[in-house]
Amino acid sequence: MLDRPEIVCICGSARFVDEMREANRDLTFAGVIVVAPGEADEVISDEQKAVLAALHLRKIDLADRVLVVNPGGYIGESTSREIAYAHAAGKPVSFTNPV
């Protein structure tokens, strides 16, 4: 048994915010610590996007594994970079839908 709960970082396109929230809820109720992308209800600047992207990579660093939320198998450019980063860091990556 682990001394602490597993930590999972959720990755995915912002268009799947509802699906990511659902995955967050399900993992949390399963006793998992979840780190997820930041959310904004308004348009954000390119500078803010860059800050959030860099912050999300640090979240991957904290995680034991990565869960990619990809309804229909969709993986965008940013998520692809996050997957590559996770693989380079030796983090296991799983997907909600087959790729």
PDB file of N, CA and C in Angstrom:
ATOM      1  N   MET A   1       0.845  -1.188   0.000  1.00  0.00           N
ATOM      2  CA  MET A   1       0.000   0.000   0.000  1.00  0.00           C
ATOM      3  C   MET A   1       0.883   1.242   0.000  1.00  0.00           C
ATOM      4  N   LEU A   2       0.465   2.230  -0.782  1.00  0.00           N
ATOM      5  CA  LEU A   2       1.213   3.475  -0.869  1.00  0.00           C
ATOM      6  C   LEU A   2       1.045   4.291   0.402  1.00  0.00           C
ATOM      7  N   ASP A   3       2.078   5.089   0.720  1.00  0.00           N
ATOM      8  CA  ASP A   3       1.983   6.002   1.859  1.00  0.00           C
ATOM      9  C   ASP A   3       1.051   7.169   1.566  1.00  0.00           C
ATOM     10  N   ARG A   4       0.802   7.419   0.304  1.00  0.00           N
ATOM     11  CA  ARG A   4      -0.071   8.506  -0.095  1.00  0.00           C
ATOM     12  C   ARG A   4      -0.921   8.031  -1.272  1.00  0.00           C
ATOM     13  N   PRO A   5      -2.032   8.709  -1.521  1.00  0.00           N
ATOM     14  CA  PRO A   5      -2.852   8.343  -2.682  1.00  0.00           C
ATOM     15  C   PRO A   5      -2.094   8.592  -3.984  1.00  0.00           C
ATOM     16  N   GLU A   6      -2.490   7.881  -5.012  1.00  0.00           N
ATOM     17  CA  GLU A   6      -1.947   8.091  -6.350  1.00  0.00           C
ATOM     18  C   GLU A   6      -2.310   9.508  -6.805  1.00  0.00           C
ATOM     19  N   ILE A   7      -1.409  10.122  -7.573  1.00  0.00           N
ATOM     20  CA  ILE A   7      -1.657  11.441  -8.151  1.00  0.00           C
ATOM     21  C   ILE A   7      -1.769  11.279  -9.661  1.00  0.00           C
ATOM     22  N   VAL A   8      -2.879  11.740 -10.224  1.00  0.00           N
ATOM     23  CA  VAL A   8      -3.123  11.645 -11.660  1.00  0.00           C
ATOM     24  C   VAL A   8      -3.299  13.045 -12.223  1.00  0.00           C
ATOM     25  N   CYS A   9      -2.617  13.321 -13.317  1.00  0.00           N
ATOM     26  CA  CYS A   9      -2.775  14.583 -14.026  1.00  0.00           C
ATOM     27  C   CYS A   9      -3.677  14.343 -15.227  1.00  0.00           C
ATOM     28  N   ILE A  10      -4.750  15.097 -15.302  1.00  0.00           N
ATOM     29  CA  ILE A  10      -5.663  15.011 -16.443  1.00  0.00           C
ATOM     30  C   ILE A  10      -5.191  15.972 -17.522  1.00  0.00           C
ATOM     31  N   CYS A  11      -5.154  15.473 -18.757  1.00  0.00           N
ATOM     32  CA  CYS A  11      -4.821  16.286 -19.916  1.00  0.00           C
ATOM     33  C   CYS A  11      -5.947  16.137 -20.935  1.00  0.00           C
ATOM     34  N   GLY A  12      -6.120  17.149 -21.765  1.00  0.00           N
ATOM     35  CA  GLY A  12      -7.124  17.075 -22.815  1.00  0.00           C
ATOM     36  C   GLY A  12      -7.451  18.455 -23.340  1.00  0.00           C
ATOM     37  N   SER A  13      -8.179  18.477 -24.434  1.00  0.00           N
ATOM     38  CA  SER A  13      -8.582  19.719 -25.069  1.00  0.00           C
ATOM     39  C   SER A  13      -9.582  20.465 -24.200  1.00  0.00           C
ATOM     40  N   ALA A  14      -9.481  21.789 -24.219  1.00  0.00           N
ATOM     41  CA  ALA A  14     -10.419  22.626 -23.462  1.00  0.00           C
ATOM     42  C   ALA A  14     -11.858  22.408 -23.920  1.00  0.00           C
ATOM     43  N   ARG A  15     -12.033  21.894 -25.133  1.00  0.00           N
ATOM     44  CA  ARG A  15     -13.396  21.636 -25.607  1.00  0.00           C
ATOM     45  C   ARG A  15     -14.062  20.498 -24.836  1.00  0.00           C
ATOM     46  N   PHE A  16     -13.254  19.726 -24.083  1.00  0.00           N
ATOM     47  CA  PHE A  16     -13.785  18.595 -23.324  1.00  0.00           C
ATOM     48  C   PHE A  16     -13.837  18.886 -21.828  1.00  0.00           C
ATOM     49  N   VAL A  17     -14.097  20.131 -21.477  1.00  0.00           N
ATOM     50  CA  VAL A  17     -14.082  20.524 -20.066  1.00  0.00           C
ATOM     51  C   VAL A  17     -15.076  19.693 -19.256  1.00  0.00           C
ATOM     52  N   ASP A  18     -16.248  19.420 -19.784  1.00  0.00           N
ATOM     53  CA  ASP A  18     -17.229  18.631 -19.029  1.00  0.00           C
ATOM     54  C   ASP A  18     -16.743  17.207 -18.803  1.00  0.00           C
ATOM     55  N   GLU A  19     -16.132  16.615 -19.818  1.00  0.00           N
ATOM     56  CA  GLU A  19     -15.607  15.260 -19.685  1.00  0.00           C
ATOM     57  C   GLU A  19     -14.434  15.202 -18.708  1.00  0.00           C
ATOM     58  N   MET A  20     -13.601  16.265 -18.708  1.00  0.00           N
ATOM     59  CA  MET A  20     -12.489  16.308 -17.759  1.00  0.00           C
ATOM     60  C   MET A  20     -12.998  16.469 -16.334  1.00  0.00           C
ATOM     61  N   ARG A  21     -14.037  17.271 -16.164  1.00  0.00           N
ATOM     62  CA  ARG A  21     -14.641  17.405 -14.830  1.00  0.00           C
ATOM     63  C   ARG A  21     -15.194  16.062 -14.354  1.00  0.00           C
ATOM     64  N   GLU A  22     -15.809  15.320 -15.256  1.00  0.00           N
ATOM     65  CA  GLU A  22     -16.350  14.004 -14.903  1.00  0.00           C
ATOM     66  C   GLU A  22     -15.225  13.047 -14.502  1.00  0.00           C
ATOM     67  N   ALA A  23     -14.139  13.040 -15.267  1.00  0.00           N
ATOM     68  CA  ALA A  23     -12.995  12.188 -14.929  1.00  0.00           C
ATOM     69  C   ALA A  23     -12.415  12.599 -13.584  1.00  0.00           C
ATOM     70  N   ASN A  24     -12.324  13.896 -13.337  1.00  0.00           N
ATOM     71  CA  ASN A  24     -11.815  14.416 -12.061  1.00  0.00           C
ATOM     72  C   ASN A  24     -12.680  13.902 -10.913  1.00  0.00           C
ATOM     73  N   ARG A  25     -13.984  14.024 -11.072  1.00  0.00           N
ATOM     74  CA  ARG A  25     -14.912  13.576 -10.028  1.00  0.00           C
ATOM     75  C   ARG A  25     -14.771  12.073  -9.776  1.00  0.00           C
ATOM     76  N   ASP A  26     -14.754  11.283 -10.858  1.00  0.00           N
ATOM     77  CA  ASP A  26     -14.665   9.835 -10.707  1.00  0.00           C
ATOM     78  C   ASP A  26     -13.363   9.416 -10.027  1.00  0.00           C
ATOM     79  N   LEU A  27     -12.250  10.018 -10.431  1.00  0.00           N
ATOM     80  CA  LEU A  27     -10.963   9.692  -9.823  1.00  0.00           C
ATOM     81  C   LEU A  27     -10.924  10.119  -8.360  1.00  0.00           C
ATOM     82  N   THR A  28     -11.447  11.307  -8.083  1.00  0.00           N
ATOM     83  CA  THR A  28     -11.453  11.804  -6.710  1.00  0.00           C
ATOM     84  C   THR A  28     -12.238  10.869  -5.800  1.00  0.00           C
ATOM     85  N   PHE A  29     -13.423  10.434  -6.247  1.00  0.00           N
ATOM     86  CA  PHE A  29     -14.223   9.513  -5.434  1.00  0.00           C
ATOM     87  C   PHE A  29     -13.573   8.143  -5.310  1.00  0.00           C
ATOM     88  N   ALA A  30     -12.626   7.835  -6.205  1.00  0.00           N
ATOM     89  CA  ALA A  30     -11.873   6.588  -6.120  1.00  0.00           C
ATOM     90  C   ALA A  30     -10.649   6.731  -5.220  1.00  0.00           C
ATOM     91  N   GLY A  31     -10.475   7.916  -4.611  1.00  0.00           N
ATOM     92  CA  GLY A  31      -9.369   8.124  -3.684  1.00  0.00           C
ATOM     93  C   GLY A  31      -8.088   8.611  -4.316  1.00  0.00           C
ATOM     94  N   VAL A  32      -8.181   9.161  -5.509  1.00  0.00           N
ATOM     95  CA  VAL A  32      -7.015   9.640  -6.250  1.00  0.00           C
ATOM     96  C   VAL A  32      -6.906  11.152  -6.087  1.00  0.00           C
ATOM     97  N   ILE A  33      -5.679  11.652  -5.952  1.00  0.00           N
ATOM     98  CA  ILE A  33      -5.431  13.085  -5.993  1.00  0.00           C
ATOM     99  C   ILE A  33      -5.359  13.475  -7.467  1.00  0.00           C
ATOM    100  N   VAL A  34      -6.153  14.461  -7.862  1.00  0.00           N
ATOM    101  CA  VAL A  34      -6.233  14.855  -9.267  1.00  0.00           C
ATOM    102  C   VAL A  34      -5.677  16.259  -9.452  1.00  0.00           C
ATOM    103  N   VAL A  35      -4.820  16.413 -10.451  1.00  0.00           N
ATOM    104  CA  VAL A  35      -4.402  17.731 -10.907  1.00  0.00           C
ATOM    105  C   VAL A  35      -4.906  17.858 -12.339  1.00  0.00           C
ATOM    106  N   ALA A  36      -5.511  18.988 -12.639  1.00  0.00           N
ATOM    107  CA  ALA A  36      -6.178  19.159 -13.922  1.00  0.00           C
ATOM    108  C   ALA A  36      -5.829  20.509 -14.525  1.00  0.00           C
ATOM    109  N   PRO A  37      -6.132  20.670 -15.811  1.00  0.00           N
ATOM    110  CA  PRO A  37      -5.858  21.962 -16.453  1.00  0.00           C
ATOM    111  C   PRO A  37      -6.619  23.094 -15.774  1.00  0.00           C
ATOM    112  N   GLY A  38      -6.029  24.282 -15.814  1.00  0.00           N
ATOM    113  CA  GLY A  38      -6.731  25.459 -15.322  1.00  0.00           C
ATOM    114  C   GLY A  38      -7.891  25.787 -16.249  1.00  0.00           C
ATOM    115  N   GLU A  39      -8.890  26.427 -15.710  1.00  0.00           N
ATOM    116  CA  GLU A  39     -10.067  26.799 -16.504  1.00  0.00           C
ATOM    117  C   GLU A  39     -10.258  28.303 -16.465  1.00  0.00           C
ATOM    118  N   ALA A  40     -10.796  28.841 -17.563  1.00  0.00           N
ATOM    119  CA  ALA A  40     -11.133  30.259 -17.637  1.00  0.00           C
ATOM    120  C   ALA A  40     -12.463  30.391 -18.368  1.00  0.00           C
ATOM    121  N   ASP A  41     -13.329  31.232 -17.842  1.00  0.00           N
ATOM    122  CA  ASP A  41     -14.628  31.452 -18.467  1.00  0.00           C
ATOM    123  C   ASP A  41     -14.595  32.590 -19.486  1.00  0.00           C
ATOM    124  N   GLU A  42     -13.448  33.227 -19.596  1.00  0.00           N
ATOM    125  CA  GLU A  42     -13.328  34.337 -20.531  1.00  0.00           C
ATOM    126  C   GLU A  42     -12.152  34.066 -21.470  1.00  0.00           C
ATOM    127  N   VAL A  43     -12.067  34.882 -22.504  1.00  0.00           N
ATOM    128  CA  VAL A  43     -10.954  34.765 -23.448  1.00  0.00           C
ATOM    129  C   VAL A  43      -9.678  35.148 -22.717  1.00  0.00           C
ATOM    130  N   ILE A  44      -8.620  34.356 -22.921  1.00  0.00           N
ATOM    131  CA  ILE A  44      -7.351  34.656 -22.277  1.00  0.00           C
ATOM    132  C   ILE A  44      -6.313  35.030 -23.330  1.00  0.00           C
ATOM    133  N   SER A  45      -5.324  35.788 -22.901  1.00  0.00           N
ATOM    134  CA  SER A  45      -4.293  36.270 -23.825  1.00  0.00           C
ATOM    135  C   SER A  45      -3.313  35.147 -24.170  1.00  0.00           C
ATOM    136  N   ASP A  46      -2.540  35.365 -25.215  1.00  0.00           N
ATOM    137  CA  ASP A  46      -1.504  34.406 -25.588  1.00  0.00           C
ATOM    138  C   ASP A  46      -0.501  34.230 -24.457  1.00  0.00           C
ATOM    139  N   GLU A  47      -0.195  35.322 -23.754  1.00  0.00           N
ATOM    140  CA  GLU A  47       0.731  35.244 -22.624  1.00  0.00           C
ATOM    141  C   GLU A  47       0.147  34.356 -21.520  1.00  0.00           C
ATOM    142  N   GLN A  48      -1.120  34.541 -21.222  1.00  0.00           N
ATOM    143  CA  GLN A  48      -1.769  33.704 -20.211  1.00  0.00           C
ATOM    144  C   GLN A  48      -1.793  32.236 -20.640  1.00  0.00           C
ATOM    145  N   LYS A  49      -2.045  31.982 -21.928  1.00  0.00           N
ATOM    146  CA  LYS A  49      -2.032  30.610 -22.447  1.00  0.00           C
ATOM    147  C   LYS A  49      -0.661  29.974 -22.235  1.00  0.00           C
ATOM    148  N   ALA A  50       0.393  30.740 -22.500  1.00  0.00           N
ATOM    149  CA  ALA A  50       1.752  30.224 -22.335  1.00  0.00           C
ATOM    150  C   ALA A  50       2.037  29.901 -20.873  1.00  0.00           C
ATOM    151  N   VAL A  51       1.580  30.767 -19.976  1.00  0.00           N
ATOM    152  CA  VAL A  51       1.775  30.530 -18.543  1.00  0.00           C
ATOM    153  C   VAL A  51       1.037  29.264 -18.118  1.00  0.00           C
ATOM    154  N   LEU A  52      -0.207  29.117 -18.557  1.00  0.00           N
ATOM    155  CA  LEU A  52      -0.986  27.928 -18.201  1.00  0.00           C
ATOM    156  C   LEU A  52      -0.371  26.656 -18.777  1.00  0.00           C
ATOM    157  N   ALA A  53       0.151  26.736 -20.000  1.00  0.00           N
ATOM    158  CA  ALA A  53       0.780  25.564 -20.618  1.00  0.00           C
ATOM    159  C   ALA A  53       2.014  25.129 -19.830  1.00  0.00           C
ATOM    160  N   ALA A  54       2.840  26.086 -19.431  1.00  0.00           N
ATOM    161  CA  ALA A  54       4.032  25.758 -18.639  1.00  0.00           C
ATOM    162  C   ALA A  54       3.641  25.212 -17.268  1.00  0.00           C
ATOM    163  N   LEU A  55       2.632  25.793 -16.668  1.00  0.00           N
ATOM    164  CA  LEU A  55       2.153  25.313 -15.365  1.00  0.00           C
ATOM    165  C   LEU A  55       1.639  23.878 -15.469  1.00  0.00           C
ATOM    166  N   HIS A  56       0.966  23.568 -16.572  1.00  0.00           N
ATOM    167  CA  HIS A  56       0.430  22.213 -16.710  1.00  0.00           C
ATOM    168  C   HIS A  56       1.558  21.177 -16.819  1.00  0.00           C
ATOM    169  N   LEU A  57       2.661  21.539 -17.434  1.00  0.00           N
ATOM    170  CA  LEU A  57       3.810  20.619 -17.479  1.00  0.00           C
ATOM    171  C   LEU A  57       4.329  20.350 -16.070  1.00  0.00           C
ATOM    172  N   ARG A  58       4.340  21.366 -15.222  1.00  0.00           N
ATOM    173  CA  ARG A  58       4.757  21.149 -13.824  1.00  0.00           C
ATOM    174  C   ARG A  58       3.777  20.222 -13.108  1.00  0.00           C
ATOM    175  N   LYS A  59       2.501  20.298 -13.465  1.00  0.00           N
ATOM    176  CA  LYS A  59       1.506  19.383 -12.891  1.00  0.00           C
ATOM    177  C   LYS A  59       1.810  17.947 -13.303  1.00  0.00           C
ATOM    178  N   ILE A  60       2.220  17.770 -14.547  1.00  0.00           N
ATOM    179  CA  ILE A  60       2.618  16.434 -15.011  1.00  0.00           C
ATOM    180  C   ILE A  60       3.804  15.944 -14.198  1.00  0.00           C
ATOM    181  N   ASP A  61       4.751  16.832 -13.907  1.00  0.00           N
ATOM    182  CA  ASP A  61       5.908  16.467 -13.079  1.00  0.00           C
ATOM    183  C   ASP A  61       5.470  15.927 -11.719  1.00  0.00           C
ATOM    184  N   LEU A  62       4.422  16.504 -11.142  1.00  0.00           N
ATOM    185  CA  LEU A  62       3.942  16.085  -9.822  1.00  0.00           C
ATOM    186  C   LEU A  62       3.209  14.746  -9.841  1.00  0.00           C
ATOM    187  N   ALA A  63       2.679  14.382 -10.990  1.00  0.00           N
ATOM    188  CA  ALA A  63       1.794  13.219 -11.091  1.00  0.00           C
ATOM    189  C   ALA A  63       2.547  11.900 -11.163  1.00  0.00           C
ATOM    190  N   ASP A  64       1.861  10.854 -10.733  1.00  0.00           N
ATOM    191  CA  ASP A  64       2.360   9.492 -10.900  1.00  0.00           C
ATOM    192  C   ASP A  64       2.067   8.975 -12.303  1.00  0.00           C
ATOM    193  N   ARG A  65       0.954   9.460 -12.869  1.00  0.00           N
ATOM    194  CA  ARG A  65       0.574   9.070 -14.216  1.00  0.00           C
ATOM    195  C   ARG A  65      -0.319  10.145 -14.816  1.00  0.00           C
ATOM    196  N   VAL A  66      -0.545  10.031 -16.125  1.00  0.00           N
ATOM    197  CA  VAL A  66      -1.351  10.987 -16.867  1.00  0.00           C
ATOM    198  C   VAL A  66      -2.557  10.272 -17.464  1.00  0.00           C
ATOM    199  N   LEU A  67      -3.718  10.905 -17.358  1.00  0.00           N
ATOM    200  CA  LEU A  67      -4.926  10.415 -18.025  1.00  0.00           C
ATOM    201  C   LEU A  67      -5.329  11.452 -19.060  1.00  0.00           C
ATOM    202  N   VAL A  68      -5.365  11.020 -20.326  1.00  0.00           N
ATOM    203  CA  VAL A  68      -5.771  11.899 -21.415  1.00  0.00           C
ATOM    204  C   VAL A  68      -7.260  11.685 -21.670  1.00  0.00           C
ATOM    205  N   VAL A  69      -8.022  12.752 -21.526  1.00  0.00           N
ATOM    206  CA  VAL A  69      -9.459  12.714 -21.814  1.00  0.00           C
ATOM    207  C   VAL A  69      -9.601  13.076 -23.294  1.00  0.00           C
ATOM    208  N   ASN A  70     -10.000  12.091 -24.093  1.00  0.00           N
ATOM    209  CA  ASN A  70     -10.016  12.280 -25.545  1.00  0.00           C
ATOM    210  C   ASN A  70     -11.253  11.659 -26.196  1.00  0.00           C
ATOM    211  N   PRO A  71     -12.436  12.210 -25.934  1.00  0.00           N
ATOM    212  CA  PRO A  71     -13.642  11.680 -26.574  1.00  0.00           C
ATOM    213  C   PRO A  71     -13.481  11.580 -28.092  1.00  0.00           C
ATOM    214  N   GLY A  72     -13.917  10.466 -28.645  1.00  0.00           N
ATOM    215  CA  GLY A  72     -13.792  10.255 -30.083  1.00  0.00           C
ATOM    216  C   GLY A  72     -12.373  10.034 -30.545  1.00  0.00           C
ATOM    217  N   GLY A  73     -11.434   9.911 -29.597  1.00  0.00           N
ATOM    218  CA  GLY A  73     -10.031   9.716 -29.954  1.00  0.00           C
ATOM    219  C   GLY A  73      -9.294  11.007 -30.288  1.00  0.00           C
ATOM    220  N   TYR A  74      -9.942  12.154 -30.121  1.00  0.00           N
ATOM    221  CA  TYR A  74      -9.333  13.430 -30.497  1.00  0.00           C
ATOM    222  C   TYR A  74      -8.203  13.813 -29.548  1.00  0.00           C
ATOM    223  N   ILE A  75      -7.060  14.182 -30.148  1.00  0.00           N
ATOM    224  CA  ILE A  75      -5.926  14.716 -29.396  1.00  0.00           C
ATOM    225  C   ILE A  75      -5.390  15.905 -30.182  1.00  0.00           C
ATOM    226  N   GLY A  76      -5.449  17.078 -29.572  1.00  0.00           N
ATOM    227  CA  GLY A  76      -4.981  18.295 -30.231  1.00  0.00           C
ATOM    228  C   GLY A  76      -3.487  18.507 -30.060  1.00  0.00           C
ATOM    229  N   GLU A  77      -3.027  19.607 -30.598  1.00  0.00           N
ATOM    230  CA  GLU A  77      -1.600  19.936 -30.598  1.00  0.00           C
ATOM    231  C   GLU A  77      -1.038  20.088 -29.184  1.00  0.00           C
ATOM    232  N   SER A  78      -1.728  20.842 -28.335  1.00  0.00           N
ATOM    233  CA  SER A  78      -1.234  21.051 -26.970  1.00  0.00           C
ATOM    234  C   SER A  78      -1.210  19.744 -26.186  1.00  0.00           C
ATOM    235  N   THR A  79      -2.255  18.954 -26.329  1.00  0.00           N
ATOM    236  CA  THR A  79      -2.311  17.672 -25.626  1.00  0.00           C
ATOM    237  C   THR A  79      -1.223  16.739 -26.138  1.00  0.00           C
ATOM    238  N   SER A  80      -0.961  16.768 -27.429  1.00  0.00           N
ATOM    239  CA  SER A  80       0.132  15.950 -27.988  1.00  0.00           C
ATOM    240  C   SER A  80       1.469  16.322 -27.359  1.00  0.00           C
ATOM    241  N   ARG A  81       1.704  17.632 -27.165  1.00  0.00           N
ATOM    242  CA  ARG A  81       2.946  18.074 -26.512  1.00  0.00           C
ATOM    243  C   ARG A  81       3.008  17.572 -25.070  1.00  0.00           C
ATOM    244  N   GLU A  82       1.876  17.621 -24.382  1.00  0.00           N
ATOM    245  CA  GLU A  82       1.836  17.145 -22.997  1.00  0.00           C
ATOM    246  C   GLU A  82       2.098  15.642 -22.919  1.00  0.00           C
ATOM    247  N   ILE A  83       1.559  14.888 -23.856  1.00  0.00           N
ATOM    248  CA  ILE A  83       1.804  13.438 -23.897  1.00  0.00           C
ATOM    249  C   ILE A  83       3.283  13.169 -24.126  1.00  0.00           C
ATOM    250  N   ALA A  84       3.886  13.876 -25.068  1.00  0.00           N
ATOM    251  CA  ALA A  84       5.317  13.707 -25.339  1.00  0.00           C
ATOM    252  C   ALA A  84       6.138  14.061 -24.108  1.00  0.00           C
ATOM    253  N   TYR A  85       5.759  15.124 -23.429  1.00  0.00           N
ATOM    254  CA  TYR A  85       6.458  15.535 -22.203  1.00  0.00           C
ATOM    255  C   TYR A  85       6.355  14.450 -21.143  1.00  0.00           C
ATOM    256  N   ALA A  86       5.153  13.914 -20.966  1.00  0.00           N
ATOM    257  CA  ALA A  86       4.942  12.854 -19.969  1.00  0.00           C
ATOM    258  C   ALA A  86       5.774  11.626 -20.301  1.00  0.00           C
ATOM    259  N   HIS A  87       5.781  11.229 -21.562  1.00  0.00           N
ATOM    260  CA  HIS A  87       6.594  10.071 -21.959  1.00  0.00           C
ATOM    261  C   HIS A  87       8.076  10.326 -21.683  1.00  0.00           C
ATOM    262  N   ALA A  88       8.558  11.527 -22.032  1.00  0.00           N
ATOM    263  CA  ALA A  88       9.966  11.862 -21.800  1.00  0.00           C
ATOM    264  C   ALA A  88      10.309  11.839 -20.317  1.00  0.00           C
ATOM    265  N   ALA A  89       9.326  12.159 -19.479  1.00  0.00           N
ATOM    266  CA  ALA A  89       9.532  12.152 -18.027  1.00  0.00           C
ATOM    267  C   ALA A  89       9.312  10.773 -17.416  1.00  0.00           C
ATOM    268  N   GLY A  90       8.974   9.791 -18.248  1.00  0.00           N
ATOM    269  CA  GLY A  90       8.773   8.426 -17.766  1.00  0.00           C
ATOM    270  C   GLY A  90       7.438   8.205 -17.082  1.00  0.00           C
ATOM    271  N   LYS A  91       6.463   9.070 -17.360  1.00  0.00           N
ATOM    272  CA  LYS A  91       5.143   8.938 -16.738  1.00  0.00           C
ATOM    273  C   LYS A  91       4.257   8.027 -17.595  1.00  0.00           C
ATOM    274  N   PRO A  92       3.577   7.074 -16.977  1.00  0.00           N
ATOM    275  CA  PRO A  92       2.613   6.275 -17.748  1.00  0.00           C
ATOM    276  C   PRO A  92       1.473   7.172 -18.226  1.00  0.00           C
ATOM    277  N   VAL A  93       1.009   6.911 -19.450  1.00  0.00           N
ATOM    278  CA  VAL A  93      -0.069   7.694 -20.056  1.00  0.00           C
ATOM    279  C   VAL A  93      -1.173   6.735 -20.474  1.00  0.00           C
ATOM    280  N   SER A  94      -2.409   7.045 -20.051  1.00  0.00           N
ATOM    281  CA  SER A  94      -3.566   6.268 -20.509  1.00  0.00           C
ATOM    282  C   SER A  94      -4.577   7.229 -21.112  1.00  0.00           C
ATOM    283  N   PHE A  95      -5.569   6.660 -21.801  1.00  0.00           N
ATOM    284  CA  PHE A  95      -6.531   7.443 -22.544  1.00  0.00           C
ATOM    285  C   PHE A  95      -7.951   6.978 -22.191  1.00  0.00           C
ATOM    286  N   THR A  96      -8.901   7.920 -22.216  1.00  0.00           N
ATOM    287  CA  THR A  96     -10.289   7.539 -21.967  1.00  0.00           C
ATOM    288  C   THR A  96     -10.896   6.843 -23.163  1.00  0.00           C
ATOM    289  N   ASN A  97     -10.366   7.107 -24.368  1.00  0.00           N
ATOM    290  CA  ASN A  97     -10.842   6.467 -25.588  1.00  0.00           C
ATOM    291  C   ASN A  97      -9.650   6.005 -26.404  1.00  0.00           C
ATOM    292  N   PRO A  98      -9.826   4.933 -27.159  1.00  0.00           N
ATOM    293  CA  PRO A  98      -8.696   4.432 -27.964  1.00  0.00           C
ATOM    294  C   PRO A  98      -8.166   5.502 -28.914  1.00  0.00           C
ATOM    295  N   VAL A  99      -6.868   5.474 -29.119  1.00  0.00           N
ATOM    296  CA  VAL A  99      -6.228   6.456 -30.004  1.00  0.00           C
ATOM    297  C   VAL A  99      -6.116   5.861 -31.393  1.00  0.00           C
TER     298      VAL A  99
END
